[in-house]
Amino acid sequence: MTHDYKRNGTATLFAALNTLDGTVISMCDDRHRHQEWLKFLRVIDSVVPQKKTIYLIADNYATHKHPNVQRWLTRHPRFPVYFTPTSSWWLNMVERFFRDVVGLIMAIGDYIDRHNQNPKPFVWTRKASDILEKVTRARKALYNP
């Protein structure tokens, strides 16, 4: 990853599945750091009635165990957290919710169909020679430090 790398066209999907009624709370963000995880926990906190206990089942991703997250969870005792063992994604029911690959492919296809109803041409903001020069400089810096 270079100093000017930018994640264009990617997103992180956060989701919480209510196993009692099947509803899903979700949030998309550009990144998946502890700050975004905390933002999602706050979303959950704001939409679930305060009298309810929220049992979080999460994987062992470092973001979920960050000290700031641990502090927030300590201040919000209605959020007991259970971490799945490594390589046990199938224990997390929200992962099973996303197993409908056919549905996901169809949703992407629908999105593309809507896009194609009113497409916009791609306009390069740089000349090809400028881009190639930048690649040449980057290679030189990488291989000839």
Foldseek 3Di string as FASTA:
>chain_A
DDPPDDDPPDKDKDWDADVVPGDIDIDIDRDQALVVVVVSVVVVCVPDPLVAQAEAEEEPPVSCVDPVNVVVCVVVVSYHYHYDPPPPCVVRVVVVVPPPVVVVVVVVVVVVVVCVVPDDDDDDPDDPVVVVVVVVVVVCVVPPD
